[in-house]
C-alpha cells in the first residue's frame, strides 16, 4: 500500500522555482564563454537564447528544470539577460510549445554531460534523488559499492 509523503500543494511547490540566494545566483547563473557559445547559435531568437540559458543554469542548481521556465527568479533572468545582452522581458515569450522546453532540457543535459538514469536508477542517486526523479543523473562513472555510493 502506497503512502503519500507530500500533499498536492507541497508537490506543486517542489516543482516550481524556489527563492534564490545571492551565493546561488553567482554560482549557478554565471555563464562561461563555452556556455555563451552553446546558447548563441545562429537562428535562435532572443527569447529562445534566454530560455535556454535559464535551463542551462537551472539544471545544475535544482537538478531539474521546472515546466514554467519564464517563472524563474527575476534576478536570475536579469543576470542572464545582461550576460547575453538581451532584454529580460524576452523570457515571457519563451517556451510557448512544450516541445521547445523538452528539447532544450535534453540539449542542456547533453551539453553538461548528464545522462539518462537507467530504468532502476543508479547507485549514485542515493545522494541526489532529484536527478533520478528528473530522469537525469550527473554521475560520471565514479566507483560505487553497497557501502559507498557514487558521488554526483
C-alpha atoms as a PDB file:
ATOM      1  CA  UNK A   1       0.000   0.000   0.000  1.00  0.00           C
ATOM      2  CA  UNK A   2       1.423   3.381  -1.060  1.00  0.00           C
ATOM      3  CA  UNK A   3       1.791   6.134   1.486  1.00  0.00           C
ATOM      4  CA  UNK A   4       1.702   9.793   0.486  1.00  0.00           C
ATOM      5  CA  UNK A   5       4.610  11.789   1.752  1.00  0.00           C
ATOM      6  CA  UNK A   6       3.640  15.196   0.317  1.00  0.00           C
ATOM      7  CA  UNK A   7       0.341  16.963  -0.120  1.00  0.00           C
ATOM      8  CA  UNK A   8      -0.615  18.193  -3.586  1.00  0.00           C
ATOM      9  CA  UNK A   9       0.314  21.747  -2.557  1.00  0.00           C
ATOM     10  CA  UNK A  10       3.736  20.638  -1.319  1.00  0.00           C
ATOM     11  CA  UNK A  11       4.363  18.723  -4.538  1.00  0.00           C
ATOM     12  CA  UNK A  12       3.420  21.780  -6.569  1.00  0.00           C
ATOM     13  CA  UNK A  13       5.880  23.968  -4.622  1.00  0.00           C
ATOM     14  CA  UNK A  14       8.630  21.378  -5.152  1.00  0.00           C
ATOM     15  CA  UNK A  15       8.090  21.580  -8.929  1.00  0.00           C
ATOM     16  CA  UNK A  16       8.487  25.358  -9.044  1.00  0.00           C
ATOM     17  CA  UNK A  17      11.434  27.705  -8.777  1.00  0.00           C
ATOM     18  CA  UNK A  18      12.394  28.460  -5.165  1.00  0.00           C
ATOM     19  CA  UNK A  19      13.832  31.706  -3.874  1.00  0.00           C
ATOM     20  CA  UNK A  20      17.477  32.136  -4.852  1.00  0.00           C
ATOM     21  CA  UNK A  21      20.263  33.309  -2.584  1.00  0.00           C
ATOM     22  CA  UNK A  22      22.966  35.740  -3.676  1.00  0.00           C
ATOM     23  CA  UNK A  23      25.533  32.941  -3.465  1.00  0.00           C
ATOM     24  CA  UNK A  24      23.407  30.653  -5.670  1.00  0.00           C
ATOM     25  CA  UNK A  25      22.821  33.472  -8.136  1.00  0.00           C
ATOM     26  CA  UNK A  26      26.520  33.978  -8.724  1.00  0.00           C
ATOM     27  CA  UNK A  27      27.426  30.290  -8.520  1.00  0.00           C
ATOM     28  CA  UNK A  28      24.804  28.939 -10.908  1.00  0.00           C
ATOM     29  CA  UNK A  29      23.815  31.887 -13.098  1.00  0.00           C
ATOM     30  CA  UNK A  30      27.202  32.974 -14.401  1.00  0.00           C
ATOM     31  CA  UNK A  31      27.784  31.886 -17.993  1.00  0.00           C
ATOM     32  CA  UNK A  32      31.213  30.764 -19.151  1.00  0.00           C
ATOM     33  CA  UNK A  33      32.484  31.552 -22.663  1.00  0.00           C
ATOM     34  CA  UNK A  34      31.608  27.957 -23.624  1.00  0.00           C
ATOM     35  CA  UNK A  35      28.085  28.424 -22.211  1.00  0.00           C
ATOM     36  CA  UNK A  36      27.669  31.598 -24.255  1.00  0.00           C
ATOM     37  CA  UNK A  37      28.734  29.743 -27.409  1.00  0.00           C
ATOM     38  CA  UNK A  38      26.296  26.911 -26.620  1.00  0.00           C
ATOM     39  CA  UNK A  39      23.360  29.283 -26.143  1.00  0.00           C
ATOM     40  CA  UNK A  40      24.017  31.593 -29.106  1.00  0.00           C
ATOM     41  CA  UNK A  41      23.995  29.616 -32.389  1.00  0.00           C
ATOM     42  CA  UNK A  42      22.611  31.429 -35.415  1.00  0.00           C
ATOM     43  CA  UNK A  43      18.887  31.231 -35.876  1.00  0.00           C
ATOM     44  CA  UNK A  44      17.987  31.383 -32.188  1.00  0.00           C
ATOM     45  CA  UNK A  45      15.992  34.445 -31.276  1.00  0.00           C
ATOM     46  CA  UNK A  46      16.499  36.365 -28.022  1.00  0.00           C
ATOM     47  CA  UNK A  47      13.663  34.636 -26.142  1.00  0.00           C
ATOM     48  CA  UNK A  48      14.997  31.196 -27.092  1.00  0.00           C
ATOM     49  CA  UNK A  49      18.585  32.092 -26.105  1.00  0.00           C
ATOM     50  CA  UNK A  50      17.428  33.457 -22.751  1.00  0.00           C
ATOM     51  CA  UNK A  51      15.146  30.488 -22.028  1.00  0.00           C
ATOM     52  CA  UNK A  52      17.905  28.068 -22.976  1.00  0.00           C
ATOM     53  CA  UNK A  53      20.315  29.917 -20.668  1.00  0.00           C
ATOM     54  CA  UNK A  54      17.797  29.686 -17.812  1.00  0.00           C
ATOM     55  CA  UNK A  55      17.508  25.921 -18.399  1.00  0.00           C
ATOM     56  CA  UNK A  56      21.311  25.626 -18.612  1.00  0.00           C
ATOM     57  CA  UNK A  57      21.773  27.294 -15.230  1.00  0.00           C
ATOM     58  CA  UNK A  58      18.750  25.754 -13.522  1.00  0.00           C
ATOM     59  CA  UNK A  59      19.558  22.090 -14.159  1.00  0.00           C
ATOM     60  CA  UNK A  60      22.758  22.106 -12.042  1.00  0.00           C
ATOM     61  CA  UNK A  61      21.104  24.362  -9.438  1.00  0.00           C
ATOM     62  CA  UNK A  62      17.917  22.356  -8.843  1.00  0.00           C
ATOM     63  CA  UNK A  63      18.638  19.031 -10.542  1.00  0.00           C
ATOM     64  CA  UNK A  64      15.657  19.570 -12.853  1.00  0.00           C
ATOM     65  CA  UNK A  65      14.079  22.385 -14.856  1.00  0.00           C
ATOM     66  CA  UNK A  66      10.575  23.463 -13.800  1.00  0.00           C
ATOM     67  CA  UNK A  67       7.962  23.457 -16.563  1.00  0.00           C
ATOM     68  CA  UNK A  68       7.357  27.197 -16.238  1.00  0.00           C
ATOM     69  CA  UNK A  69      10.790  28.490 -17.249  1.00  0.00           C
ATOM     70  CA  UNK A  70       9.523  32.106 -17.510  1.00  0.00           C
ATOM     71  CA  UNK A  71       8.730  31.962 -13.769  1.00  0.00           C
ATOM     72  CA  UNK A  72      12.432  31.704 -12.890  1.00  0.00           C
ATOM     73  CA  UNK A  73      13.571  34.176 -10.231  1.00  0.00           C
ATOM     74  CA  UNK A  74      13.588  37.613 -11.901  1.00  0.00           C
ATOM     75  CA  UNK A  75      17.049  38.414 -10.536  1.00  0.00           C
ATOM     76  CA  UNK A  76      18.426  35.245 -12.199  1.00  0.00           C
ATOM     77  CA  UNK A  77      16.728  36.057 -15.507  1.00  0.00           C
ATOM     78  CA  UNK A  78      18.064  39.625 -15.339  1.00  0.00           C
ATOM     79  CA  UNK A  79      21.595  38.374 -14.657  1.00  0.00           C
ATOM     80  CA  UNK A  80      21.484  36.028 -17.644  1.00  0.00           C
ATOM     81  CA  UNK A  81      19.856  38.637 -19.883  1.00  0.00           C
ATOM     82  CA  UNK A  82      22.648  41.067 -19.011  1.00  0.00           C
ATOM     83  CA  UNK A  83      25.311  38.489 -19.924  1.00  0.00           C
ATOM     84  CA  UNK A  84      23.523  37.779 -23.223  1.00  0.00           C
ATOM     85  CA  UNK A  85      22.792  41.455 -23.988  1.00  0.00           C
ATOM     86  CA  UNK A  86      19.075  40.657 -24.209  1.00  0.00           C
ATOM     87  CA  UNK A  87      16.073  42.406 -22.652  1.00  0.00           C
ATOM     88  CA  UNK A  88      14.987  40.288 -19.650  1.00  0.00           C
ATOM     89  CA  UNK A  89      11.341  40.743 -20.694  1.00  0.00           C
ATOM     90  CA  UNK A  90      12.058  38.353 -23.589  1.00  0.00           C
ATOM     91  CA  UNK A  91      11.652  35.453 -21.131  1.00  0.00           C
ATOM     92  CA  UNK A  92       7.867  35.945 -21.305  1.00  0.00           C
ATOM     93  CA  UNK A  93       7.948  34.786 -24.944  1.00  0.00           C
ATOM     94  CA  UNK A  94       9.883  31.612 -24.200  1.00  0.00           C
ATOM     95  CA  UNK A  95       8.521  28.092 -24.367  1.00  0.00           C
ATOM     96  CA  UNK A  96       5.123  28.601 -25.927  1.00  0.00           C
ATOM     97  CA  UNK A  97       5.474  24.995 -27.118  1.00  0.00           C
ATOM     98  CA  UNK A  98       6.157  22.281 -24.512  1.00  0.00           C
ATOM     99  CA  UNK A  99       8.346  20.573 -27.127  1.00  0.00           C
ATOM    100  CA  UNK A 100      10.736  23.566 -27.074  1.00  0.00           C
ATOM    101  CA  UNK A 101      11.340  23.211 -23.342  1.00  0.00           C
ATOM    102  CA  UNK A 102      11.688  19.431 -23.566  1.00  0.00           C
ATOM    103  CA  UNK A 103      14.206  19.676 -26.399  1.00  0.00           C
ATOM    104  CA  UNK A 104      16.165  22.381 -24.584  1.00  0.00           C
ATOM    105  CA  UNK A 105      16.378  20.345 -21.381  1.00  0.00           C
ATOM    106  CA  UNK A 106      17.675  17.425 -23.458  1.00  0.00           C
ATOM    107  CA  UNK A 107      20.273  19.669 -25.172  1.00  0.00           C
ATOM    108  CA  UNK A 108      21.351  21.187 -21.848  1.00  0.00           C
ATOM    109  CA  UNK A 109      21.681  17.792 -20.167  1.00  0.00           C
ATOM    110  CA  UNK A 110      23.780  16.535 -23.073  1.00  0.00           C
ATOM    111  CA  UNK A 111      25.953  19.669 -23.027  1.00  0.00           C
ATOM    112  CA  UNK A 112      26.507  19.311 -19.264  1.00  0.00           C
ATOM    113  CA  UNK A 113      27.404  15.633 -19.603  1.00  0.00           C
ATOM    114  CA  UNK A 114      24.339  14.352 -17.771  1.00  0.00           C
ATOM    115  CA  UNK A 115      22.905  11.080 -18.947  1.00  0.00           C
ATOM    116  CA  UNK A 116      19.536   9.380 -18.552  1.00  0.00           C
ATOM    117  CA  UNK A 117      19.287   7.281 -15.425  1.00  0.00           C
ATOM    118  CA  UNK A 118      18.685   3.588 -16.013  1.00  0.00           C
ATOM    119  CA  UNK A 119      15.255   2.090 -15.557  1.00  0.00           C
ATOM    120  CA  UNK A 120      16.142   1.204 -11.958  1.00  0.00           C
ATOM    121  CA  UNK A 121      18.028   4.416 -11.220  1.00  0.00           C
ATOM    122  CA  UNK A 122      21.648   4.165 -10.179  1.00  0.00           C
ATOM    123  CA  UNK A 123      23.663   3.849  -7.015  1.00  0.00           C
ATOM    124  CA  UNK A 124      24.932   7.410  -7.226  1.00  0.00           C
ATOM    125  CA  UNK A 125      21.432   8.790  -6.873  1.00  0.00           C
ATOM    126  CA  UNK A 126      21.263   7.853  -3.218  1.00  0.00           C
ATOM    127  CA  UNK A 127      22.507  11.383  -2.667  1.00  0.00           C
ATOM    128  CA  UNK A 128      20.711  13.186  -5.492  1.00  0.00           C
ATOM    129  CA  UNK A 129      17.183  11.849  -5.777  1.00  0.00           C
ATOM    130  CA  UNK A 130      16.153  14.853  -7.857  1.00  0.00           C
ATOM    131  CA  UNK A 131      18.498  13.685 -10.617  1.00  0.00           C
ATOM    132  CA  UNK A 132      16.746  10.353 -10.885  1.00  0.00           C
ATOM    133  CA  UNK A 133      13.328  11.936 -10.436  1.00  0.00           C
ATOM    134  CA  UNK A 134      14.059  14.159 -13.418  1.00  0.00           C
ATOM    135  CA  UNK A 135      15.307  11.160 -15.397  1.00  0.00           C
ATOM    136  CA  UNK A 136      18.829  12.531 -15.366  1.00  0.00           C
ATOM    137  CA  UNK A 137      21.903  11.724 -13.370  1.00  0.00           C
ATOM    138  CA  UNK A 138      25.080  13.743 -13.251  1.00  0.00           C
ATOM    139  CA  UNK A 139      27.410  10.975 -12.126  1.00  0.00           C
ATOM    140  CA  UNK A 140      30.314  10.363 -14.401  1.00  0.00           C
ATOM    141  CA  UNK A 141      31.052   6.750 -13.601  1.00  0.00           C
ATOM    142  CA  UNK A 142      32.542   7.091 -10.128  1.00  0.00           C
ATOM    143  CA  UNK A 143      33.039   3.737  -8.457  1.00  0.00           C
ATOM    144  CA  UNK A 144      30.115   2.525  -6.400  1.00  0.00           C
ATOM    145  CA  UNK A 145      29.858  -0.159  -3.771  1.00  0.00           C
ATOM    146  CA  UNK A 146      26.963  -1.116  -1.497  1.00  0.00           C
ATOM    147  CA  UNK A 147      28.581   0.871   1.319  1.00  0.00           C
ATOM    148  CA  UNK A 148      29.942   3.760  -0.765  1.00  0.00           C
ATOM    149  CA  UNK A 149      27.573   5.119  -3.422  1.00  0.00           C
ATOM    150  CA  UNK A 150      28.874   7.052  -6.380  1.00  0.00           C
ATOM    151  CA  UNK A 151      29.115  10.778  -5.836  1.00  0.00           C
ATOM    152  CA  UNK A 152      27.273  13.186  -8.100  1.00  0.00           C
END
